[in-house]
Amino acid sequence: KAHGYPSQLSGGQQQRVAIARALAME
């Protein structure tokens, strides 16, 4: 789903992207 936009993702997928975003800052 790397190239999907938030509106194309389910709530659970959006929250997992949010977790990945936080983790990317290590």
mmCIF file of all heavy atoms, coordinates in Angstrom:
data_MODEL
# 
_entry.id   MODEL 
# 
loop_
_atom_site.group_PDB 
_atom_site.id 
_atom_site.type_symbol 
_atom_site.label_atom_id 
_atom_site.label_alt_id 
_atom_site.label_comp_id 
_atom_site.label_asym_id 
_atom_site.label_entity_id 
_atom_site.label_seq_id 
_atom_site.pdbx_PDB_ins_code 
_atom_site.Cartn_x 
_atom_site.Cartn_y 
_atom_site.Cartn_z 
_atom_site.occupancy 
_atom_site.B_iso_or_equiv 
_atom_site.pdbx_formal_charge 
_atom_site.auth_seq_id 
_atom_site.auth_comp_id 
_atom_site.auth_asym_id 
_atom_site.auth_atom_id 
_atom_site.pdbx_PDB_model_num 
ATOM 1   N N   . LYS A 1 1  ? 0.823  -1.221 0.000  1.00 0.00 ? 1  LYS A N   1 
ATOM 2   C CA  . LYS A 1 1  ? 0.000  0.000  0.000  1.00 0.00 ? 1  LYS A CA  1 
ATOM 3   C C   . LYS A 1 1  ? 0.856  1.271  0.000  1.00 0.00 ? 1  LYS A C   1 
ATOM 4   O O   . LYS A 1 1  ? 0.350  2.365  0.238  1.00 0.00 ? 1  LYS A O   1 
ATOM 5   C CB  . LYS A 1 1  ? -0.905 0.031  1.244  1.00 0.00 ? 1  LYS A CB  1 
ATOM 6   C CG  . LYS A 1 1  ? -1.835 -1.158 1.365  1.00 0.00 ? 1  LYS A CG  1 
ATOM 7   C CD  . LYS A 1 1  ? -2.968 -1.092 0.364  1.00 0.00 ? 1  LYS A CD  1 
ATOM 8   C CE  . LYS A 1 1  ? -3.975 -2.200 0.584  1.00 0.00 ? 1  LYS A CE  1 
ATOM 9   N NZ  . LYS A 1 1  ? -5.023 -2.205 -0.428 1.00 0.00 ? 1  LYS A NZ  1 
ATOM 10  N N   . ALA A 1 2  ? 2.151  1.126  -0.274 1.00 0.00 ? 2  ALA A N   1 
ATOM 11  C CA  . ALA A 1 2  ? 3.088  2.263  -0.166 1.00 0.00 ? 2  ALA A CA  1 
ATOM 12  C C   . ALA A 1 2  ? 2.623  3.480  -0.958 1.00 0.00 ? 2  ALA A C   1 
ATOM 13  O O   . ALA A 1 2  ? 2.810  4.625  -0.532 1.00 0.00 ? 2  ALA A O   1 
ATOM 14  C CB  . ALA A 1 2  ? 4.476  1.836  -0.636 1.00 0.00 ? 2  ALA A CB  1 
ATOM 15  N N   . HIS A 1 3  ? 2.012  3.256  -2.116 1.00 0.00 ? 3  HIS A N   1 
ATOM 16  C CA  . HIS A 1 3  ? 1.629  4.385  -2.974 1.00 0.00 ? 3  HIS A CA  1 
ATOM 17  C C   . HIS A 1 3  ? 0.144  4.740  -2.850 1.00 0.00 ? 3  HIS A C   1 
ATOM 18  O O   . HIS A 1 3  ? -0.357 5.583  -3.592 1.00 0.00 ? 3  HIS A O   1 
ATOM 19  C CB  . HIS A 1 3  ? 2.023  4.085  -4.430 1.00 0.00 ? 3  HIS A CB  1 
ATOM 20  C CG  . HIS A 1 3  ? 3.507  3.824  -4.552 1.00 0.00 ? 3  HIS A CG  1 
ATOM 21  N ND1 . HIS A 1 3  ? 4.451  4.812  -4.344 1.00 0.00 ? 3  HIS A ND1 1 
ATOM 22  C CD2 . HIS A 1 3  ? 4.193  2.673  -4.783 1.00 0.00 ? 3  HIS A CD2 1 
ATOM 23  C CE1 . HIS A 1 3  ? 5.664  4.283  -4.458 1.00 0.00 ? 3  HIS A CE1 1 
ATOM 24  N NE2 . HIS A 1 3  ? 5.533  2.994  -4.727 1.00 0.00 ? 3  HIS A NE2 1 
ATOM 25  N N   . GLY A 1 4  ? -0.517 4.104  -1.876 1.00 0.00 ? 4  GLY A N   1 
ATOM 26  C CA  . GLY A 1 4  ? -1.923 4.440  -1.625 1.00 0.00 ? 4  GLY A CA  1 
ATOM 27  C C   . GLY A 1 4  ? -2.020 5.685  -0.759 1.00 0.00 ? 4  GLY A C   1 
ATOM 28  O O   . GLY A 1 4  ? -1.129 5.964  0.051  1.00 0.00 ? 4  GLY A O   1 
ATOM 29  N N   . TYR A 1 5  ? -3.098 6.430  -0.938 1.00 0.00 ? 5  TYR A N   1 
ATOM 30  C CA  . TYR A 1 5  ? -3.333 7.633  -0.136 1.00 0.00 ? 5  TYR A CA  1 
ATOM 31  C C   . TYR A 1 5  ? -4.247 7.274  1.043  1.00 0.00 ? 5  TYR A C   1 
ATOM 32  O O   . TYR A 1 5  ? -4.991 6.284  0.980  1.00 0.00 ? 5  TYR A O   1 
ATOM 33  C CB  . TYR A 1 5  ? -3.964 8.734  -1.001 1.00 0.00 ? 5  TYR A CB  1 
ATOM 34  C CG  . TYR A 1 5  ? -2.942 9.339  -1.930 1.00 0.00 ? 5  TYR A CG  1 
ATOM 35  C CD1 . TYR A 1 5  ? -2.638 8.726  -3.155 1.00 0.00 ? 5  TYR A CD1 1 
ATOM 36  C CD2 . TYR A 1 5  ? -2.234 10.484 -1.569 1.00 0.00 ? 5  TYR A CD2 1 
ATOM 37  C CE1 . TYR A 1 5  ? -1.669 9.244  -3.994 1.00 0.00 ? 5  TYR A CE1 1 
ATOM 38  C CE2 . TYR A 1 5  ? -1.259 11.013 -2.405 1.00 0.00 ? 5  TYR A CE2 1 
ATOM 39  C CZ  . TYR A 1 5  ? -0.980 10.396 -3.621 1.00 0.00 ? 5  TYR A CZ  1 
ATOM 40  O OH  . TYR A 1 5  ? -0.010 10.908 -4.430 1.00 0.00 ? 5  TYR A OH  1 
ATOM 41  N N   . PRO A 1 6  ? -4.190 8.061  2.135  1.00 0.00 ? 6  PRO A N   1 
ATOM 42  C CA  . PRO A 1 6  ? -5.001 7.742  3.309  1.00 0.00 ? 6  PRO A CA  1 
ATOM 43  C C   . PRO A 1 6  ? -6.472 7.441  2.989  1.00 0.00 ? 6  PRO A C   1 
ATOM 44  O O   . PRO A 1 6  ? -7.055 6.511  3.551  1.00 0.00 ? 6  PRO A O   1 
ATOM 45  C CB  . PRO A 1 6  ? -4.853 8.998  4.182  1.00 0.00 ? 6  PRO A CB  1 
ATOM 46  C CG  . PRO A 1 6  ? -3.477 9.483  3.870  1.00 0.00 ? 6  PRO A CG  1 
ATOM 47  C CD  . PRO A 1 6  ? -3.302 9.214  2.399  1.00 0.00 ? 6  PRO A CD  1 
ATOM 48  N N   . SER A 1 7  ? -7.057 8.194  2.045  1.00 0.00 ? 7  SER A N   1 
ATOM 49  C CA  . SER A 1 7  ? -8.480 7.978  1.723  1.00 0.00 ? 7  SER A CA  1 
ATOM 50  C C   . SER A 1 7  ? -8.731 6.608  1.094  1.00 0.00 ? 7  SER A C   1 
ATOM 51  O O   . SER A 1 7  ? -9.866 6.137  1.044  1.00 0.00 ? 7  SER A O   1 
ATOM 52  C CB  . SER A 1 7  ? -8.973 9.070  0.773  1.00 0.00 ? 7  SER A CB  1 
ATOM 53  O OG  . SER A 1 7  ? -8.232 9.018  -0.436 1.00 0.00 ? 7  SER A OG  1 
ATOM 54  N N   . GLN A 1 8  ? -7.655 5.971  0.616  1.00 0.00 ? 8  GLN A N   1 
ATOM 55  C CA  . GLN A 1 8  ? -7.803 4.649  -0.018 1.00 0.00 ? 8  GLN A CA  1 
ATOM 56  C C   . GLN A 1 8  ? -7.527 3.511  0.964  1.00 0.00 ? 8  GLN A C   1 
ATOM 57  O O   . GLN A 1 8  ? -7.591 2.343  0.599  1.00 0.00 ? 8  GLN A O   1 
ATOM 58  C CB  . GLN A 1 8  ? -6.832 4.542  -1.209 1.00 0.00 ? 8  GLN A CB  1 
ATOM 59  C CG  . GLN A 1 8  ? -7.092 5.598  -2.290 1.00 0.00 ? 8  GLN A CG  1 
ATOM 60  C CD  . GLN A 1 8  ? -5.935 5.690  -3.294 1.00 0.00 ? 8  GLN A CD  1 
ATOM 61  O OE1 . GLN A 1 8  ? -4.771 5.684  -2.919 1.00 0.00 ? 8  GLN A OE1 1 
ATOM 62  N NE2 . GLN A 1 8  ? -6.277 5.765  -4.567 1.00 0.00 ? 8  GLN A NE2 1 
ATOM 63  N N   . LEU A 1 9  ? -7.206 3.875  2.204  1.00 0.00 ? 9  LEU A N   1 
ATOM 64  C CA  . LEU A 1 9  ? -6.834 2.864  3.195  1.00 0.00 ? 9  LEU A CA  1 
ATOM 65  C C   . LEU A 1 9  ? -7.924 2.738  4.257  1.00 0.00 ? 9  LEU A C   1 
ATOM 66  O O   . LEU A 1 9  ? -8.616 3.708  4.569  1.00 0.00 ? 9  LEU A O   1 
ATOM 67  C CB  . LEU A 1 9  ? -5.517 3.256  3.891  1.00 0.00 ? 9  LEU A CB  1 
ATOM 68  C CG  . LEU A 1 9  ? -4.301 3.497  2.993  1.00 0.00 ? 9  LEU A CG  1 
ATOM 69  C CD1 . LEU A 1 9  ? -3.124 3.998  3.828  1.00 0.00 ? 9  LEU A CD1 1 
ATOM 70  C CD2 . LEU A 1 9  ? -3.917 2.229  2.241  1.00 0.00 ? 9  LEU A CD2 1 
ATOM 71  N N   . SER A 1 10 ? -8.047 1.545  4.826  1.00 0.00 ? 10 SER A N   1 
ATOM 72  C CA  . SER A 1 10 ? -8.979 1.354  5.948  1.00 0.00 ? 10 SER A CA  1 
ATOM 73  C C   . SER A 1 10 ? -8.413 2.066  7.182  1.00 0.00 ? 10 SER A C   1 
ATOM 74  O O   . SER A 1 10 ? -7.228 2.433  7.220  1.00 0.00 ? 10 SER A O   1 
ATOM 75  C CB  . SER A 1 10 ? -9.128 -0.131 6.259  1.00 0.00 ? 10 SER A CB  1 
ATOM 76  O OG  . SER A 1 10 ? -7.925 -0.622 6.846  1.00 0.00 ? 10 SER A OG  1 
ATOM 77  N N   . GLY A 1 11 ? -9.248 2.207  8.216  1.00 0.00 ? 11 GLY A N   1 
ATOM 78  C CA  . GLY A 1 11 ? -8.781 2.839  9.455  1.00 0.00 ? 11 GLY A CA  1 
ATOM 79  C C   . GLY A 1 11 ? -7.597 2.098  10.053 1.00 0.00 ? 11 GLY A C   1 
ATOM 80  O O   . GLY A 1 11 ? -6.620 2.703  10.495 1.00 0.00 ? 11 GLY A O   1 
ATOM 81  N N   . GLY A 1 12 ? -7.678 0.748  10.048 1.00 0.00 ? 12 GLY A N   1 
ATOM 82  C CA  . GLY A 1 12 ? -6.576 -0.046 10.600 1.00 0.00 ? 12 GLY A CA  1 
ATOM 83  C C   . GLY A 1 12 ? -5.290 0.152  9.817  1.00 0.00 ? 12 GLY A C   1 
ATOM 84  O O   . GLY A 1 12 ? -4.196 0.240  10.392 1.00 0.00 ? 12 GLY A O   1 
ATOM 85  N N   . GLN A 1 13 ? -5.411 0.234  8.486  1.00 0.00 ? 13 GLN A N   1 
ATOM 86  C CA  . GLN A 1 13 ? -4.225 0.464  7.650  1.00 0.00 ? 13 GLN A CA  1 
ATOM 87  C C   . GLN A 1 13 ? -3.650 1.855  7.906  1.00 0.00 ? 13 GLN A C   1 
ATOM 88  O O   . GLN A 1 13 ? -2.427 2.020  7.998  1.00 0.00 ? 13 GLN A O   1 
ATOM 89  C CB  . GLN A 1 13 ? -4.590 0.288  6.178  1.00 0.00 ? 13 GLN A CB  1 
ATOM 90  C CG  . GLN A 1 13 ? -4.858 -1.167 5.802  1.00 0.00 ? 13 GLN A CG  1 
ATOM 91  C CD  . GLN A 1 13 ? -5.464 -1.316 4.422  1.00 0.00 ? 13 GLN A CD  1 
ATOM 92  O OE1 . GLN A 1 13 ? -6.082 -0.391 3.883  1.00 0.00 ? 13 GLN A OE1 1 
ATOM 93  N NE2 . GLN A 1 13 ? -5.309 -2.483 3.831  1.00 0.00 ? 13 GLN A NE2 1 
ATOM 94  N N   . GLN A 1 14 ? -4.534 2.850  8.032  1.00 0.00 ? 14 GLN A N   1 
ATOM 95  C CA  . GLN A 1 14 ? -4.045 4.213  8.317  1.00 0.00 ? 14 GLN A CA  1 
ATOM 96  C C   . GLN A 1 14 ? -3.291 4.251  9.654  1.00 0.00 ? 14 GLN A C   1 
ATOM 97  O O   . GLN A 1 14 ? -2.245 4.883  9.758  1.00 0.00 ? 14 GLN A O   1 
ATOM 98  C CB  . GLN A 1 14 ? -5.215 5.198  8.362  1.00 0.00 ? 14 GLN A CB  1 
ATOM 99  C CG  . GLN A 1 14 ? -5.823 5.480  6.991  1.00 0.00 ? 14 GLN A CG  1 
ATOM 100 C CD  . GLN A 1 14 ? -6.902 6.538  7.083  1.00 0.00 ? 14 GLN A CD  1 
ATOM 101 O OE1 . GLN A 1 14 ? -6.640 7.681  7.451  1.00 0.00 ? 14 GLN A OE1 1 
ATOM 102 N NE2 . GLN A 1 14 ? -8.130 6.164  6.757  1.00 0.00 ? 14 GLN A NE2 1 
ATOM 103 N N   . GLN A 1 15 ? -3.835 3.549  10.646 1.00 0.00 ? 15 GLN A N   1 
ATOM 104 C CA  . GLN A 1 15 ? -3.164 3.565  11.954 1.00 0.00 ? 15 GLN A CA  1 
ATOM 105 C C   . GLN A 1 15 ? -1.823 2.843  11.888 1.00 0.00 ? 15 GLN A C   1 
ATOM 106 O O   . GLN A 1 15 ? -0.855 3.258  12.524 1.00 0.00 ? 15 GLN A O   1 
ATOM 107 C CB  . GLN A 1 15 ? -4.086 2.939  13.019 1.00 0.00 ? 15 GLN A CB  1 
ATOM 108 C CG  . GLN A 1 15 ? -3.633 3.148  14.454 1.00 0.00 ? 15 GLN A CG  1 
ATOM 109 C CD  . GLN A 1 15 ? -3.529 4.610  14.857 1.00 0.00 ? 15 GLN A CD  1 
ATOM 110 O OE1 . GLN A 1 15 ? -2.699 5.362  14.317 1.00 0.00 ? 15 GLN A OE1 1 
ATOM 111 N NE2 . GLN A 1 15 ? -4.347 5.033  15.804 1.00 0.00 ? 15 GLN A NE2 1 
ATOM 112 N N   . ARG A 1 16 ? -1.742 1.795  11.057 1.00 0.00 ? 16 ARG A N   1 
ATOM 113 C CA  . ARG A 1 16 ? -0.453 1.099  10.906 1.00 0.00 ? 16 ARG A CA  1 
ATOM 114 C C   . ARG A 1 16 ? 0.563  1.993  10.174 1.00 0.00 ? 16 ARG A C   1 
ATOM 115 O O   . ARG A 1 16 ? 1.756  1.961  10.483 1.00 0.00 ? 16 ARG A O   1 
ATOM 116 C CB  . ARG A 1 16 ? -0.647 -0.232 10.180 1.00 0.00 ? 16 ARG A CB  1 
ATOM 117 C CG  . ARG A 1 16 ? -1.253 -1.293 11.097 1.00 0.00 ? 16 ARG A CG  1 
ATOM 118 C CD  . ARG A 1 16 ? -1.272 -2.657 10.452 1.00 0.00 ? 16 ARG A CD  1 
ATOM 119 N NE  . ARG A 1 16 ? -2.345 -2.817 9.495  1.00 0.00 ? 16 ARG A NE  1 
ATOM 120 C CZ  . ARG A 1 16 ? -2.305 -3.648 8.467  1.00 0.00 ? 16 ARG A CZ  1 
ATOM 121 N NH1 . ARG A 1 16 ? -1.236 -4.391 8.225  1.00 0.00 ? 16 ARG A NH1 1 
ATOM 122 N NH2 . ARG A 1 16 ? -3.342 -3.759 7.653  1.00 0.00 ? 16 ARG A NH2 1 
ATOM 123 N N   . VAL A 1 17 ? 0.085  2.801  9.230  1.00 0.00 ? 17 VAL A N   1 
ATOM 124 C CA  . VAL A 1 17 ? 0.981  3.777  8.580  1.00 0.00 ? 17 VAL A CA  1 
ATOM 125 C C   . VAL A 1 17 ? 1.466  4.783  9.622  1.00 0.00 ? 17 VAL A C   1 
ATOM 126 O O   . VAL A 1 17 ? 2.650  5.159  9.654  1.00 0.00 ? 17 VAL A O   1 
ATOM 127 C CB  . VAL A 1 17 ? 0.278  4.511  7.405  1.00 0.00 ? 17 VAL A CB  1 
ATOM 128 C CG1 . VAL A 1 17 ? 1.156  5.648  6.874  1.00 0.00 ? 17 VAL A CG1 1 
ATOM 129 C CG2 . VAL A 1 17 ? -0.047 3.539  6.272  1.00 0.00 ? 17 VAL A CG2 1 
ATOM 130 N N   . ALA A 1 18 ? 0.556  5.210  10.511 1.00 0.00 ? 18 ALA A N   1 
ATOM 131 C CA  . ALA A 1 18 ? 0.937  6.165  11.563 1.00 0.00 ? 18 ALA A CA  1 
ATOM 132 C C   . ALA A 1 18 ? 2.010  5.567  12.478 1.00 0.00 ? 18 ALA A C   1 
ATOM 133 O O   . ALA A 1 18 ? 2.947  6.258  12.898 1.00 0.00 ? 18 ALA A O   1 
ATOM 134 C CB  . ALA A 1 18 ? -0.292 6.579  12.370 1.00 0.00 ? 18 ALA A CB  1 
ATOM 135 N N   . ILE A 1 19 ? 1.894  4.264  12.763 1.00 0.00 ? 19 ILE A N   1 
ATOM 136 C CA  . ILE A 1 19 ? 2.917  3.599  13.586 1.00 0.00 ? 19 ILE A CA  1 
ATOM 137 C C   . ILE A 1 19 ? 4.244  3.547  12.824 1.00 0.00 ? 19 ILE A C   1 
ATOM 138 O O   . ILE A 1 19 ? 5.309  3.843  13.387 1.00 0.00 ? 19 ILE A O   1 
ATOM 139 C CB  . ILE A 1 19 ? 2.453  2.174  13.983 1.00 0.00 ? 19 ILE A CB  1 
ATOM 140 C CG1 . ILE A 1 19 ? 1.250  2.270  14.931 1.00 0.00 ? 19 ILE A CG1 1 
ATOM 141 C CG2 . ILE A 1 19 ? 3.597  1.392  14.637 1.00 0.00 ? 19 ILE A CG2 1 
ATOM 142 C CD1 . ILE A 1 19 ? 0.580  0.922  15.238 1.00 0.00 ? 19 ILE A CD1 1 
ATOM 143 N N   . ALA A 1 20 ? 4.190  3.202  11.538 1.00 0.00 ? 20 ALA A N   1 
ATOM 144 C CA  . ALA A 1 20 ? 5.410  3.160  10.713 1.00 0.00 ? 20 ALA A CA  1 
ATOM 145 C C   . ALA A 1 20 ? 6.063  4.544  10.667 1.00 0.00 ? 20 ALA A C   1 
ATOM 146 O O   . ALA A 1 20 ? 7.293  4.670  10.739 1.00 0.00 ? 20 ALA A O   1 
ATOM 147 C CB  . ALA A 1 20 ? 5.077  2.685  9.298  1.00 0.00 ? 20 ALA A CB  1 
ATOM 148 N N   . ARG A 1 21 ? 5.232  5.579  10.574 1.00 0.00 ? 21 ARG A N   1 
ATOM 149 C CA  . ARG A 1 21 ? 5.760  6.960  10.529 1.00 0.00 ? 21 ARG A CA  1 
ATOM 150 C C   . ARG A 1 21 ? 6.504  7.291  11.825 1.00 0.00 ? 21 ARG A C   1 
ATOM 151 O O   . ARG A 1 21 ? 7.587  7.877  11.796 1.00 0.00 ? 21 ARG A O   1 
ATOM 152 C CB  . ARG A 1 21 ? 4.600  7.934  10.315 1.00 0.00 ? 21 ARG A CB  1 
ATOM 153 C CG  . ARG A 1 21 ? 5.039  9.390  10.267 1.00 0.00 ? 21 ARG A CG  1 
ATOM 154 C CD  . ARG A 1 21 ? 3.888  10.329 10.005 1.00 0.00 ? 21 ARG A CD  1 
ATOM 155 N NE  . ARG A 1 21 ? 2.869  10.254 11.045 1.00 0.00 ? 21 ARG A NE  1 
ATOM 156 C CZ  . ARG A 1 21 ? 1.734  10.935 11.035 1.00 0.00 ? 21 ARG A CZ  1 
ATOM 157 N NH1 . ARG A 1 21 ? 1.452  11.735 10.025 1.00 0.00 ? 21 ARG A NH1 1 
ATOM 158 N NH2 . ARG A 1 21 ? 0.864  10.824 12.010 1.00 0.00 ? 21 ARG A NH2 1 
ATOM 159 N N   . ALA A 1 22 ? 5.932  6.899  12.971 1.00 0.00 ? 22 ALA A N   1 
ATOM 160 C CA  . ALA A 1 22 ? 6.603  7.147  14.254 1.00 0.00 ? 22 ALA A CA  1 
ATOM 161 C C   . ALA A 1 22 ? 7.899  6.340  14.355 1.00 0.00 ? 22 ALA A C   1 
ATOM 162 O O   . ALA A 1 22 ? 8.934  6.849  14.800 1.00 0.00 ? 22 ALA A O   1 
ATOM 163 C CB  . ALA A 1 22 ? 5.665  6.800  15.407 1.00 0.00 ? 22 ALA A CB  1 
ATOM 164 N N   . LEU A 1 23 ? 7.858  5.086  13.887 1.00 0.00 ? 23 LEU A N   1 
ATOM 165 C CA  . LEU A 1 23 ? 9.046  4.220  13.965 1.00 0.00 ? 23 LEU A CA  1 
ATOM 166 C C   . LEU A 1 23 ? 10.171 4.708  13.064 1.00 0.00 ? 23 LEU A C   1 
ATOM 167 O O   . LEU A 1 23 ? 11.351 4.498  13.365 1.00 0.00 ? 23 LEU A O   1 
ATOM 168 C CB  . LEU A 1 23 ? 8.679  2.787  13.573 1.00 0.00 ? 23 LEU A CB  1 
ATOM 169 C CG  . LEU A 1 23 ? 7.804  2.004  14.551 1.00 0.00 ? 23 LEU A CG  1 
ATOM 170 C CD1 . LEU A 1 23 ? 7.399  0.675  13.931 1.00 0.00 ? 23 LEU A CD1 1 
ATOM 171 C CD2 . LEU A 1 23 ? 8.540  1.773  15.863 1.00 0.00 ? 23 LEU A CD2 1 
ATOM 172 N N   . ALA A 1 24 ? 9.812  5.352  11.963 1.00 0.00 ? 24 ALA A N   1 
ATOM 173 C CA  . ALA A 1 24 ? 10.830 5.810  10.995 1.00 0.00 ? 24 ALA A CA  1 
ATOM 174 C C   . ALA A 1 24 ? 11.788 6.827  11.604 1.00 0.00 ? 24 ALA A C   1 
ATOM 175 O O   . ALA A 1 24 ? 12.902 7.009  11.114 1.00 0.00 ? 24 ALA A O   1 
ATOM 176 C CB  . ALA A 1 24 ? 10.148 6.396  9.761  1.00 0.00 ? 24 ALA A CB  1 
ATOM 177 N N   . MET A 1 25 ? 11.354 7.480  12.691 1.00 0.00 ? 25 MET A N   1 
ATOM 178 C CA  . MET A 1 25 ? 12.247 8.424  13.383 1.00 0.00 ? 25 MET A CA  1 
ATOM 179 C C   . MET A 1 25 ? 13.215 7.699  14.325 1.00 0.00 ? 25 MET A C   1 
ATOM 180 O O   . MET A 1 25 ? 14.039 8.306  14.976 1.00 0.00 ? 25 MET A O   1 
ATOM 181 C CB  . MET A 1 25 ? 11.413 9.430  14.176 1.00 0.00 ? 25 MET A CB  1 
ATOM 182 C CG  . MET A 1 25 ? 10.579 10.350 13.300 1.00 0.00 ? 25 MET A CG  1 
ATOM 183 S SD  . MET A 1 25 ? 11.583 11.377 12.208 1.00 0.00 ? 25 MET A SD  1 
ATOM 184 C CE  . MET A 1 25 ? 12.299 12.512 13.392 1.00 0.00 ? 25 MET A CE  1 
ATOM 185 N N   . GLU A 1 26 ? 13.059 6.358  14.405 1.00 0.00 ? 26 GLU A N   1 
ATOM 186 C CA  . GLU A 1 26 ? 13.890 5.505  15.271 1.00 0.00 ? 26 GLU A CA  1 
ATOM 187 C C   . GLU A 1 26 ? 13.890 6.021  16.711 1.00 0.00 ? 26 GLU A C   1 
ATOM 188 O O   . GLU A 1 26 ? 14.943 6.311  17.293 1.00 0.00 ? 26 GLU A O   1 
ATOM 189 C CB  . GLU A 1 26 ? 15.299 5.371  14.681 1.00 0.00 ? 26 GLU A CB  1 
ATOM 190 C CG  . GLU A 1 26 ? 15.240 4.696  13.329 1.00 0.00 ? 26 GLU A CG  1 
ATOM 191 C CD  . GLU A 1 26 ? 16.566 4.552  12.614 1.00 0.00 ? 26 GLU A CD  1 
ATOM 192 O OE1 . GLU A 1 26 ? 17.490 5.327  12.904 1.00 0.00 ? 26 GLU A OE1 1 
ATOM 193 O OE2 . GLU A 1 26 ? 16.652 3.660  11.759 1.00 0.00 ? 26 GLU A OE2 1 
# 
